[in-house]
Amino acid sequence: MKPHSSPELQNGSRTSLQNTPKIVLMLTMSLVFLTIIPLYLFPLLATSLAWSSSNSSPPPSTSSSSSSSHYSIAGLRMTTKSSSSSTCDIFRGEWVPNPNAPYYTNETCWAIHEHQNCMKFGRPDNGFMKWRWKPNGCDMPVFNPGQFLEVVRGKSLAFVGDSVGRNQMQSLICLLLRVTYSVDASPNQDEKFRRYYFPTHNFTVASFWSPYLVRTQEADPNGPMHTGLFNLYLDEPDTNWTTQMKEFDYVIVSAGHWFLRPTMFYENKALVGCHYCLNPNVTDLTMHYSYRRAFRLAFKAFNDLDDFKGTVFLRTFAPAHFENGEWNKGGNCLRQKPFRSNETRLDGYSLEMYMTQLEEYKAAEKEAVKNKIKFRLLDTTDATLLRPDGHPSRYGHLPGENVTLYNDCVHWCLPGPIDTWNDFLLHMLKNEGRRSVTGRRSWSYSKSKIK
C-alpha cells in the first residue's frame, strides 16, 4: 500500500538511507489506522445497509408511522456475524422438511383439546406435521423433553392469556409426556384455570384464562358481531392472574384475537371509547387503543409485584390465515405446506398488533431493570406467519356441528407448528441458566442468540 502522504515511497531509487526510520514509522501508523477504523465504521455500515435494504421493499398496508417503526426495529434486529462467531437470531429463518416428526400423536397425548385434534376429526393430509424451523445461519435442535425437565426441575411455569396460549401449554404437556407423567393439580374443575404437576421433576405448569389481560365484564352476550360485547377496564388489572404470579418462576404472557371483538373502554370508571360498538355517541378508538393499554398494564403489574423475581416472556402475536373471506364470511385455510419467507409478509392489523407489543415490551424492559425483573421476548410471529397449513380449519369439530369458529384459522393443530414455540422456549430457558451462572445479561429486547 502506498500512502499518498509519503512521496519518497513512489520512487524507491530516490529513497535515502537516512529517511528509512521516518518511512517505517509512517507505514506503521498507516497500518494501525487502517486496522482500527473499520472496527468503528462496520457496525454503522451494517445498520445503514439494513435500513436501506428494509426501505427498498414496498411498505406494508398500514399507517406510515407503523411502517417506519417496523423497519427501524428490523434494522436493530440485524445480527452482525464474524468468522469467530456462531451466533444467530433463532426467530428468523425458514421451515424445512422433517420426516422424523411428529414426536407425539393424538393417541399418545390426552392433553389435546378437541378443537385442535385435527387427526381425530378427519384431516386427510399429515404433511403439516412434518416440518421443523431452521434459523438463518445456524441450526436449532427439536424439543428434547428430558433436557427441558432438567432445566425446570423444582420450578413452575404459568401461561397467561387466551386459548392460543393454552394451545401452547397443551403442546408442551404433550411433548413432556413422551418421557414422564403428570398429575392434575387444578384447584377446581374450572377449565379456564388449570394446573398440572410433574412429580418426577417437581415441576408445575398452569394456565390462567385472561384474553384481555385486564378486568373484563361481558356487557351483552350477543353484541354487534354475535360474539359478545365486553367492557374492558383498561386501568384495572385482572386479579384472576395478577394475584397468583408470585409463586411462579416463569410466566408466558400473550393475547391477541379477542381484541377484534366489540369492546367498550373504561378508564377511571368512565367510558372513554370503544371498538366496533356501533354506538354513534361513543368514539371508536379501535382495538389498537385497548391492545396497547392492556399490555402496558400487564407489564406494569409485574413491575409492581414486590416479591416477584421470576422471568416474564412475551409471546408475540400469532397471525391468523383466513383466505377468500373473513372468519364469518366463508374464509378458510386449506393450504398444505408452509410459505417461504419471501412469499408473504406481516401487514395490516397483524403488523400493528405485533409492533404495539414490541413497543410496550421495550418500555417495560427498561423499567424492569430497576425492579430486578427479567423480561424476555418469545418472538414467534415470523415463524407462525409462514404456517397457513397448520390450522384446524374445519377439522376441529364434527361436520355440521354448530360452532362459532366453523373454519378455525386461528388455533393450531396438535401435533403441529405450535410445537416449535416450545423449541424456542427450551432454547431460551437454557440461556437463562447460562446467564444466571455467568451473571451476564447480553440479550437485546428483540433477539435471541444460539451458541
Protein backbone atom coordinates (compact mmCIF):
# COMPACT_ATOMS: atom_id res chain seq x y z
CA MET A 1 0.00 0.00 0.00
CA LYS A 2 1.38 3.47 -0.93
CA PRO A 3 0.27 6.27 1.38
CA HIS A 4 -0.05 9.41 -0.76
CA SER A 5 1.42 11.49 2.10
CA SER A 6 4.85 9.86 1.53
CA PRO A 7 6.23 10.84 -1.90
CA GLU A 8 9.52 9.10 -1.14
CA LEU A 9 7.82 5.71 -1.46
CA GLN A 10 6.68 6.50 -5.01
CA ASN A 11 10.25 6.32 -6.23
CA GLY A 12 12.42 3.78 -4.44
CA SER A 13 15.59 4.89 -6.22
CA ARG A 14 15.36 8.31 -4.54
CA THR A 15 14.80 6.95 -1.05
CA SER A 16 17.90 7.55 1.02
CA LEU A 17 19.14 5.53 3.96
CA GLN A 18 18.60 8.35 6.41
CA ASN A 19 14.86 8.54 5.53
CA THR A 20 14.25 4.86 6.36
CA PRO A 21 13.21 5.33 10.05
CA LYS A 22 10.72 8.02 9.05
CA ILE A 23 9.20 5.83 6.32
CA VAL A 24 8.90 2.81 8.64
CA LEU A 25 7.16 4.96 11.25
CA MET A 26 4.67 6.31 8.70
CA LEU A 27 3.94 2.82 7.34
CA THR A 28 3.32 1.52 10.86
CA MET A 29 0.94 4.38 11.69
CA SER A 30 -0.94 3.88 8.41
CA LEU A 31 -1.42 0.16 9.06
CA VAL A 32 -2.70 0.83 12.59
CA PHE A 33 -5.07 3.48 11.26
CA LEU A 34 -6.43 1.18 8.53
CA THR A 35 -6.88 -1.66 11.03
CA ILE A 36 -8.73 0.26 13.75
CA ILE A 37 -11.07 2.48 11.73
CA PRO A 38 -13.15 -0.37 10.17
CA LEU A 39 -13.90 -1.70 13.65
CA TYR A 40 -15.76 1.53 14.36
CA LEU A 41 -17.25 2.02 10.93
CA PHE A 42 -18.56 -1.51 10.26
CA PRO A 43 -21.43 -1.52 12.77
CA LEU A 44 -22.59 1.81 11.39
CA LEU A 45 -22.30 0.44 7.87
CA ALA A 46 -24.25 -2.69 8.81
CA THR A 47 -27.04 -0.64 10.34
CA SER A 48 -27.13 1.63 7.32
CA LEU A 49 -27.34 -1.32 4.95
CA ALA A 50 -30.10 -2.94 7.00
CA TRP A 51 -32.11 0.27 6.94
CA SER A 52 -31.55 0.74 3.22
CA SER A 53 -32.50 -2.85 2.45
CA SER A 54 -35.66 -2.65 4.54
CA ASN A 55 -36.80 0.56 2.92
CA SER A 56 -36.24 -0.81 -0.57
CA SER A 57 -39.21 -3.13 -0.02
CA PRO A 58 -42.76 -1.86 -0.55
CA PRO A 59 -44.23 -0.61 2.76
CA PRO A 60 -46.91 -2.71 4.44
CA SER A 61 -50.50 -1.55 4.12
CA THR A 62 -50.67 0.24 7.47
CA SER A 63 -50.07 3.77 8.67
CA SER A 64 -46.77 5.37 7.80
CA SER A 65 -45.79 5.62 11.44
CA SER A 66 -46.20 1.89 11.92
CA SER A 67 -44.16 1.09 8.84
CA SER A 68 -41.35 3.37 9.93
CA SER A 69 -41.19 1.74 13.37
CA HIS A 70 -41.25 -1.72 11.83
CA TYR A 71 -38.26 -1.08 9.63
CA SER A 72 -36.39 0.70 12.40
CA ILE A 73 -36.80 -2.30 14.70
CA ALA A 74 -35.94 -4.66 11.83
CA GLY A 75 -32.68 -2.80 11.48
CA LEU A 76 -31.97 -3.25 15.18
CA ARG A 77 -32.62 -6.97 14.83
CA MET A 78 -29.79 -7.45 12.36
CA THR A 79 -27.08 -9.68 13.81
CA THR A 80 -23.54 -8.83 12.71
CA LYS A 81 -21.64 -12.09 12.36
CA SER A 82 -17.89 -12.58 12.22
CA SER A 83 -15.78 -15.59 11.37
CA SER A 84 -15.22 -16.22 15.07
CA SER A 85 -18.91 -16.07 16.00
CA SER A 86 -21.63 -18.66 15.53
CA THR A 87 -24.48 -16.58 16.94
CA CYS A 88 -27.73 -16.01 15.10
CA ASP A 89 -31.29 -14.83 15.59
CA ILE A 90 -33.31 -18.01 16.13
CA PHE A 91 -36.58 -16.25 15.29
CA ARG A 92 -35.70 -15.54 11.62
CA GLY A 93 -35.50 -18.47 9.24
CA GLU A 94 -37.39 -20.98 7.11
CA TRP A 95 -39.39 -24.16 7.58
CA VAL A 96 -37.59 -27.23 6.29
CA PRO A 97 -38.82 -30.84 5.90
CA ASN A 98 -38.60 -33.06 8.97
CA PRO A 99 -39.52 -36.65 8.12
CA ASN A 100 -38.96 -37.71 11.76
CA ALA A 101 -41.91 -35.68 13.03
CA PRO A 102 -44.34 -35.83 14.71
CA TYR A 103 -42.96 -36.75 18.11
CA TYR A 104 -46.35 -37.47 19.66
CA THR A 105 -49.86 -38.15 18.33
CA ASN A 106 -53.44 -37.57 19.35
CA GLU A 107 -53.44 -41.18 20.55
CA THR A 108 -50.41 -40.79 22.84
CA CYS A 109 -51.36 -37.43 24.39
CA TRP A 110 -54.51 -36.82 26.44
CA ALA A 111 -53.92 -33.04 26.65
CA ILE A 112 -55.01 -32.16 23.10
CA HIS A 113 -58.14 -30.02 23.14
CA GLU A 114 -60.92 -31.29 20.88
CA HIS A 115 -60.78 -28.15 18.71
CA GLN A 116 -57.09 -28.79 17.92
CA ASN A 117 -57.41 -32.56 17.45
CA CYS A 118 -57.24 -32.39 13.66
CA MET A 119 -56.49 -36.06 13.03
CA LYS A 120 -59.42 -37.18 15.18
CA PHE A 121 -61.81 -35.13 13.06
CA GLY A 122 -60.55 -36.47 9.77
CA ARG A 123 -57.95 -34.11 8.38
CA PRO A 124 -56.87 -36.08 5.27
CA ASP A 125 -53.28 -34.79 4.98
CA ASN A 126 -50.48 -35.10 7.53
CA GLY A 127 -47.68 -33.16 5.84
CA PHE A 128 -48.34 -30.15 8.09
CA MET A 129 -46.76 -32.12 10.97
CA LYS A 130 -43.51 -32.87 9.13
CA TRP A 131 -41.63 -29.58 9.21
CA ARG A 132 -39.11 -28.03 11.57
CA TRP A 133 -37.85 -24.48 11.97
CA LYS A 134 -34.37 -23.73 10.61
CA PRO A 135 -32.98 -20.34 11.72
CA ASN A 136 -30.92 -18.39 9.21
CA GLY A 137 -27.24 -19.12 9.69
CA CYS A 138 -27.49 -21.76 12.40
CA ASP A 139 -29.42 -24.82 13.50
CA MET A 140 -31.79 -25.31 16.41
CA PRO A 141 -32.48 -28.75 17.89
CA VAL A 142 -36.03 -30.03 18.10
CA PHE A 143 -37.54 -30.21 21.56
CA ASN A 144 -35.77 -32.54 23.99
CA PRO A 145 -38.28 -33.34 26.78
CA GLY A 146 -35.69 -34.81 29.15
CA GLN A 147 -33.50 -31.76 28.81
CA PHE A 148 -36.44 -29.41 29.34
CA LEU A 149 -37.47 -31.20 32.54
CA GLU A 150 -33.94 -30.95 33.92
CA VAL A 151 -33.84 -27.22 33.18
CA VAL A 152 -37.15 -26.62 35.00
CA ARG A 153 -36.62 -29.08 37.85
CA GLY A 154 -38.16 -27.66 41.01
CA LYS A 155 -39.67 -24.69 39.16
CA SER A 156 -43.06 -23.52 37.88
CA LEU A 157 -44.37 -22.03 34.64
CA ALA A 158 -47.61 -20.12 34.03
CA PHE A 159 -49.36 -19.31 30.75
CA VAL A 160 -51.46 -16.14 30.96
CA GLY A 161 -53.75 -15.21 28.08
CA ASP A 162 -56.33 -16.73 25.76
CA SER A 163 -56.92 -20.09 24.10
CA VAL A 164 -53.88 -19.75 21.81
CA GLY A 165 -51.71 -19.51 24.92
CA ARG A 166 -53.48 -22.58 26.29
CA ASN A 167 -52.80 -24.21 22.90
CA GLN A 168 -49.07 -23.80 23.57
CA MET A 169 -49.40 -25.23 27.08
CA GLN A 170 -51.13 -28.32 25.69
CA SER A 171 -48.31 -28.72 23.17
CA LEU A 172 -45.76 -28.53 25.98
CA ILE A 173 -47.59 -31.15 28.03
CA CYS A 174 -47.77 -33.49 25.04
CA LEU A 175 -44.03 -33.11 24.44
CA LEU A 176 -43.19 -33.80 28.09
CA LEU A 177 -45.48 -36.82 28.35
CA ARG A 178 -43.13 -38.65 25.99
CA VAL A 179 -40.76 -39.24 28.93
CA THR A 180 -42.77 -38.73 32.12
CA TYR A 181 -46.28 -38.33 33.54
CA SER A 182 -48.33 -35.56 35.11
CA VAL A 183 -50.95 -35.17 37.83
CA ASP A 184 -53.92 -32.84 37.61
CA ALA A 185 -53.33 -30.35 40.44
CA SER A 186 -56.03 -27.85 39.44
CA PRO A 187 -57.70 -26.11 42.41
CA ASN A 188 -61.16 -26.80 40.93
CA GLN A 189 -62.85 -28.03 37.77
CA ASP A 190 -62.88 -24.64 36.03
CA GLU A 191 -61.35 -25.30 32.60
CA LYS A 192 -60.15 -21.71 32.41
CA PHE A 193 -57.66 -22.23 35.23
CA ARG A 194 -55.74 -25.49 35.05
CA ARG A 195 -52.63 -26.71 36.84
CA TYR A 196 -50.56 -29.84 36.17
CA TYR A 197 -47.76 -31.25 38.28
CA PHE A 198 -44.87 -33.44 37.09
CA PRO A 199 -43.76 -35.38 40.19
CA THR A 200 -40.57 -36.80 38.65
CA HIS A 201 -39.09 -33.29 38.41
CA ASN A 202 -41.17 -31.29 40.88
CA PHE A 203 -42.34 -29.08 38.00
CA THR A 204 -45.69 -27.31 37.74
CA VAL A 205 -47.31 -25.81 34.65
CA ALA A 206 -50.51 -23.76 34.86
CA SER A 207 -52.84 -21.76 32.63
CA PHE A 208 -54.73 -18.59 33.57
CA TRP A 209 -57.56 -17.55 31.29
CA SER A 210 -57.39 -13.80 30.65
CA PRO A 211 -57.99 -13.00 26.97
CA TYR A 212 -57.86 -9.23 27.57
CA LEU A 213 -55.30 -9.28 30.43
CA VAL A 214 -57.31 -6.53 32.20
CA ARG A 215 -60.52 -6.69 34.24
CA THR A 216 -63.34 -7.60 31.89
CA GLN A 217 -67.11 -7.80 32.12
CA GLU A 218 -69.46 -9.19 29.49
CA ALA A 219 -72.00 -6.46 28.70
CA ASP A 220 -74.03 -8.25 26.02
CA PRO A 221 -73.71 -11.99 25.21
CA ASN A 222 -74.73 -11.28 21.62
CA GLY A 223 -73.22 -7.93 20.68
CA PRO A 224 -72.81 -6.31 17.24
CA MET A 225 -70.99 -9.34 15.78
CA HIS A 226 -72.86 -12.07 17.68
CA THR A 227 -69.64 -12.82 19.59
CA GLY A 228 -70.44 -10.75 22.67
CA LEU A 229 -69.81 -7.17 23.76
CA PHE A 230 -67.29 -6.72 26.58
CA ASN A 231 -66.42 -3.91 28.95
CA LEU A 232 -62.67 -3.52 29.35
CA TYR A 233 -61.37 -1.64 32.40
CA LEU A 234 -58.06 -0.62 30.92
CA ASP A 235 -56.53 0.71 34.14
CA GLU A 236 -57.56 -2.26 36.31
CA PRO A 237 -55.54 -5.49 36.13
CA ASP A 238 -57.26 -8.86 36.03
CA THR A 239 -56.73 -10.11 39.57
CA ASN A 240 -57.59 -13.66 38.49
CA TRP A 241 -53.97 -13.90 37.38
CA THR A 242 -52.07 -10.96 38.88
CA THR A 243 -52.62 -12.21 42.44
CA GLN A 244 -51.18 -15.64 41.58
CA MET A 245 -47.90 -14.73 39.90
CA LYS A 246 -45.51 -14.51 42.85
CA GLU A 247 -45.27 -18.29 43.13
CA PHE A 248 -44.13 -18.79 39.50
CA ASP A 249 -40.57 -18.79 38.22
CA TYR A 250 -41.57 -18.26 34.58
CA VAL A 251 -44.64 -16.60 33.10
CA ILE A 252 -45.58 -16.52 29.41
CA VAL A 253 -47.96 -13.65 28.62
CA SER A 254 -49.89 -13.46 25.35
CA ALA A 255 -53.09 -12.03 23.94
CA GLY A 256 -54.44 -11.28 20.51
CA HIS A 257 -57.57 -12.15 18.60
CA TRP A 258 -60.09 -11.41 21.34
CA PHE A 259 -59.31 -7.72 20.87
CA LEU A 260 -61.01 -7.86 17.47
CA ARG A 261 -64.37 -8.38 19.20
CA PRO A 262 -66.63 -5.40 20.02
CA THR A 263 -65.49 -3.81 23.28
CA MET A 264 -66.21 -0.77 25.46
CA PHE A 265 -63.25 1.04 27.04
CA TYR A 266 -63.31 2.32 30.62
CA GLU A 267 -60.66 4.31 32.45
CA ASN A 268 -61.08 5.85 35.90
CA LYS A 269 -64.57 4.25 35.98
CA ALA A 270 -65.64 6.35 32.97
CA LEU A 271 -66.40 5.28 29.38
CA VAL A 272 -63.70 6.72 27.12
CA GLY A 273 -64.35 4.93 23.82
CA CYS A 274 -64.91 1.59 22.16
CA HIS A 275 -64.00 -0.76 19.36
CA TYR A 276 -66.75 -1.55 16.86
CA CYS A 277 -69.56 -0.92 19.35
CA LEU A 278 -71.55 0.86 16.59
CA ASN A 279 -72.76 3.45 19.10
CA PRO A 280 -72.86 6.91 17.48
CA ASN A 281 -72.39 8.56 20.87
CA VAL A 282 -69.15 6.69 21.65
CA THR A 283 -65.85 7.36 19.92
CA ASP A 284 -64.43 4.31 18.16
CA LEU A 285 -60.80 4.32 19.28
CA THR A 286 -60.15 0.97 17.51
CA MET A 287 -58.79 -2.23 19.02
CA HIS A 288 -55.22 -0.90 18.92
CA TYR A 289 -56.04 1.53 21.71
CA SER A 290 -57.10 -1.22 24.11
CA TYR A 291 -54.36 -3.60 22.96
CA ARG A 292 -51.63 -1.12 23.83
CA ARG A 293 -53.08 -0.26 27.22
CA ALA A 294 -53.73 -3.87 28.12
CA PHE A 295 -50.11 -4.86 27.60
CA ARG A 296 -48.87 -1.70 29.29
CA LEU A 297 -50.95 -2.53 32.36
CA ALA A 298 -49.98 -6.21 32.33
CA PHE A 299 -46.27 -5.38 32.28
CA LYS A 300 -46.79 -2.75 34.98
CA ALA A 301 -48.49 -5.39 37.13
CA PHE A 302 -45.29 -7.43 37.11
CA ASN A 303 -43.12 -4.42 37.81
CA ASP A 304 -45.37 -3.54 40.76
CA LEU A 305 -45.10 -7.01 42.37
CA ASP A 306 -42.71 -6.58 45.30
CA ASP A 307 -41.83 -10.24 45.75
CA PHE A 308 -41.82 -11.39 42.13
CA LYS A 309 -38.31 -12.34 40.99
CA GLY A 310 -39.22 -14.53 38.03
CA THR A 311 -38.83 -14.22 34.28
CA VAL A 312 -41.66 -12.84 32.13
CA PHE A 313 -41.83 -13.94 28.49
CA LEU A 314 -43.92 -12.02 25.98
CA ARG A 315 -45.12 -14.47 23.36
CA THR A 316 -45.77 -12.29 20.34
CA PHE A 317 -48.88 -12.12 18.18
CA ALA A 318 -49.80 -15.21 16.15
CA PRO A 319 -51.34 -14.19 12.80
CA ALA A 320 -54.48 -15.93 11.53
CA HIS A 321 -54.63 -17.21 7.94
CA PHE A 322 -58.16 -16.74 6.63
CA GLU A 323 -58.31 -16.67 2.83
CA ASN A 324 -61.16 -15.99 0.41
CA GLY A 325 -63.24 -14.26 3.06
CA GLU A 326 -63.33 -13.18 6.68
CA TRP A 327 -63.78 -15.65 9.54
CA ASN A 328 -67.58 -15.25 9.48
CA LYS A 329 -67.93 -14.86 5.71
CA GLY A 330 -66.63 -18.15 4.37
CA GLY A 331 -62.93 -17.58 4.97
CA ASN A 332 -60.87 -20.74 5.24
CA CYS A 333 -57.27 -22.03 5.44
CA LEU A 334 -56.75 -25.00 3.12
CA ARG A 335 -53.05 -24.77 2.29
CA GLN A 336 -50.98 -27.89 2.86
CA LYS A 337 -47.42 -26.54 3.12
CA PRO A 338 -45.60 -23.55 4.63
CA PHE A 339 -44.82 -20.28 2.93
CA ARG A 340 -41.23 -19.39 2.18
CA SER A 341 -40.13 -16.18 3.89
CA ASN A 342 -40.19 -14.28 0.58
CA GLU A 343 -43.77 -15.36 -0.22
CA THR A 344 -45.61 -13.38 2.44
CA ARG A 345 -45.10 -10.63 4.98
CA LEU A 346 -46.72 -9.23 8.08
CA ASP A 347 -49.11 -6.39 7.34
CA GLY A 348 -52.45 -4.86 8.28
CA TYR A 349 -53.74 -5.24 11.82
CA SER A 350 -51.33 -8.14 12.48
CA LEU A 351 -48.34 -5.86 11.94
CA GLU A 352 -49.96 -3.14 14.07
CA MET A 353 -50.55 -5.52 16.96
CA TYR A 354 -47.07 -7.01 16.74
CA MET A 355 -45.48 -3.55 16.73
CA THR A 356 -47.60 -2.47 19.68
CA GLN A 357 -46.37 -5.46 21.67
CA LEU A 358 -42.72 -4.72 20.88
CA GLU A 359 -43.04 -1.06 21.83
CA GLU A 360 -44.74 -1.77 25.15
CA TYR A 361 -42.33 -4.60 25.86
CA LYS A 362 -39.31 -2.41 25.30
CA ALA A 363 -40.67 0.24 27.69
CA ALA A 364 -41.42 -2.40 30.35
CA GLU A 365 -37.99 -3.94 30.00
CA LYS A 366 -36.34 -0.61 30.81
CA GLU A 367 -38.50 -0.23 33.90
CA ALA A 368 -37.78 -3.81 34.97
CA VAL A 369 -34.05 -3.14 35.31
CA LYS A 370 -34.76 -1.15 38.48
CA ASN A 371 -37.02 -3.88 39.88
CA LYS A 372 -34.74 -6.84 39.08
CA ILE A 373 -37.46 -8.49 36.99
CA LYS A 374 -36.39 -10.19 33.79
CA PHE A 375 -38.41 -9.65 30.61
CA ARG A 376 -37.73 -11.81 27.56
CA LEU A 377 -39.18 -11.80 24.04
CA LEU A 378 -40.53 -15.11 22.75
CA ASP A 379 -40.86 -13.83 19.20
CA THR A 380 -42.97 -16.46 17.43
CA THR A 381 -44.61 -14.13 14.90
CA ASP A 382 -42.34 -14.63 11.86
CA ALA A 383 -42.30 -18.43 12.14
CA THR A 384 -46.06 -18.56 12.71
CA LEU A 385 -46.81 -16.23 9.81
CA LEU A 386 -45.27 -18.79 7.45
CA ARG A 387 -47.59 -21.65 8.52
CA PRO A 388 -51.03 -21.23 6.88
CA ASP A 389 -51.19 -25.02 6.71
CA GLY A 390 -51.14 -25.61 10.47
CA HIS A 391 -54.68 -24.62 11.48
CA PRO A 392 -57.60 -26.97 12.17
CA SER A 393 -59.80 -25.31 9.52
CA ARG A 394 -62.97 -27.46 9.53
CA TYR A 395 -61.18 -30.39 11.19
CA GLY A 396 -61.60 -29.14 14.74
CA HIS A 397 -65.16 -30.39 15.16
CA LEU A 398 -67.69 -32.82 13.76
CA PRO A 399 -69.12 -31.99 10.32
CA GLY A 400 -72.21 -29.85 10.68
CA GLU A 401 -71.54 -29.05 14.35
CA ASN A 402 -72.75 -25.60 15.39
CA VAL A 403 -69.59 -23.81 16.47
CA THR A 404 -68.72 -20.10 16.44
CA LEU A 405 -65.47 -20.53 14.51
CA TYR A 406 -66.52 -23.12 11.95
CA ASN A 407 -63.35 -22.77 9.89
CA ASP A 408 -60.68 -22.30 12.56
CA CYS A 409 -57.70 -20.47 11.11
CA VAL A 410 -56.63 -19.02 14.48
CA HIS A 411 -55.71 -22.02 16.65
CA TRP A 412 -53.18 -24.72 15.77
CA CYS A 413 -53.40 -28.45 15.16
CA LEU A 414 -51.59 -30.69 17.64
CA PRO A 415 -49.11 -32.01 16.72
CA GLY A 416 -48.25 -29.04 14.51
CA PRO A 417 -46.31 -25.80 14.04
CA ILE A 418 -47.01 -24.56 17.56
CA ASP A 419 -44.70 -27.27 18.93
CA THR A 420 -41.84 -25.11 17.65
CA TRP A 421 -42.82 -22.39 20.13
CA ASN A 422 -41.62 -24.79 22.81
CA ASP A 423 -38.38 -25.39 20.87
CA PHE A 424 -37.85 -21.64 21.22
CA LEU A 425 -38.82 -21.75 24.90
CA LEU A 426 -36.35 -24.52 25.74
CA HIS A 427 -33.54 -22.69 23.99
CA MET A 428 -34.33 -19.50 25.91
CA LEU A 429 -34.55 -21.29 29.27
CA LYS A 430 -31.16 -22.87 28.67
CA ASN A 431 -29.75 -19.42 28.02
CA GLU A 432 -31.36 -18.19 31.23
CA GLY A 433 -29.40 -20.87 33.04
CA ARG A 434 -26.16 -19.76 31.41
CA ARG A 435 -26.97 -16.17 32.29
CA SER A 436 -27.55 -16.98 35.96
CA VAL A 437 -24.23 -18.85 36.14
CA THR A 438 -22.10 -16.17 34.49
CA GLY A 439 -24.03 -13.13 35.62
CA ARG A 440 -24.33 -11.91 32.05
CA ARG A 441 -27.33 -10.10 30.61
CA SER A 442 -26.47 -9.79 26.95
CA TRP A 443 -29.73 -10.15 25.04
CA SER A 444 -31.42 -7.20 23.40
CA TYR A 445 -35.21 -6.90 23.55
CA SER A 446 -35.69 -8.29 20.04
CA LYS A 447 -33.31 -11.20 19.51
CA SER A 448 -32.26 -14.49 21.00
CA LYS A 449 -28.81 -15.95 20.36
CA ILE A 450 -27.75 -19.53 19.85
CA LYS A 451 -24.22 -20.56 20.75
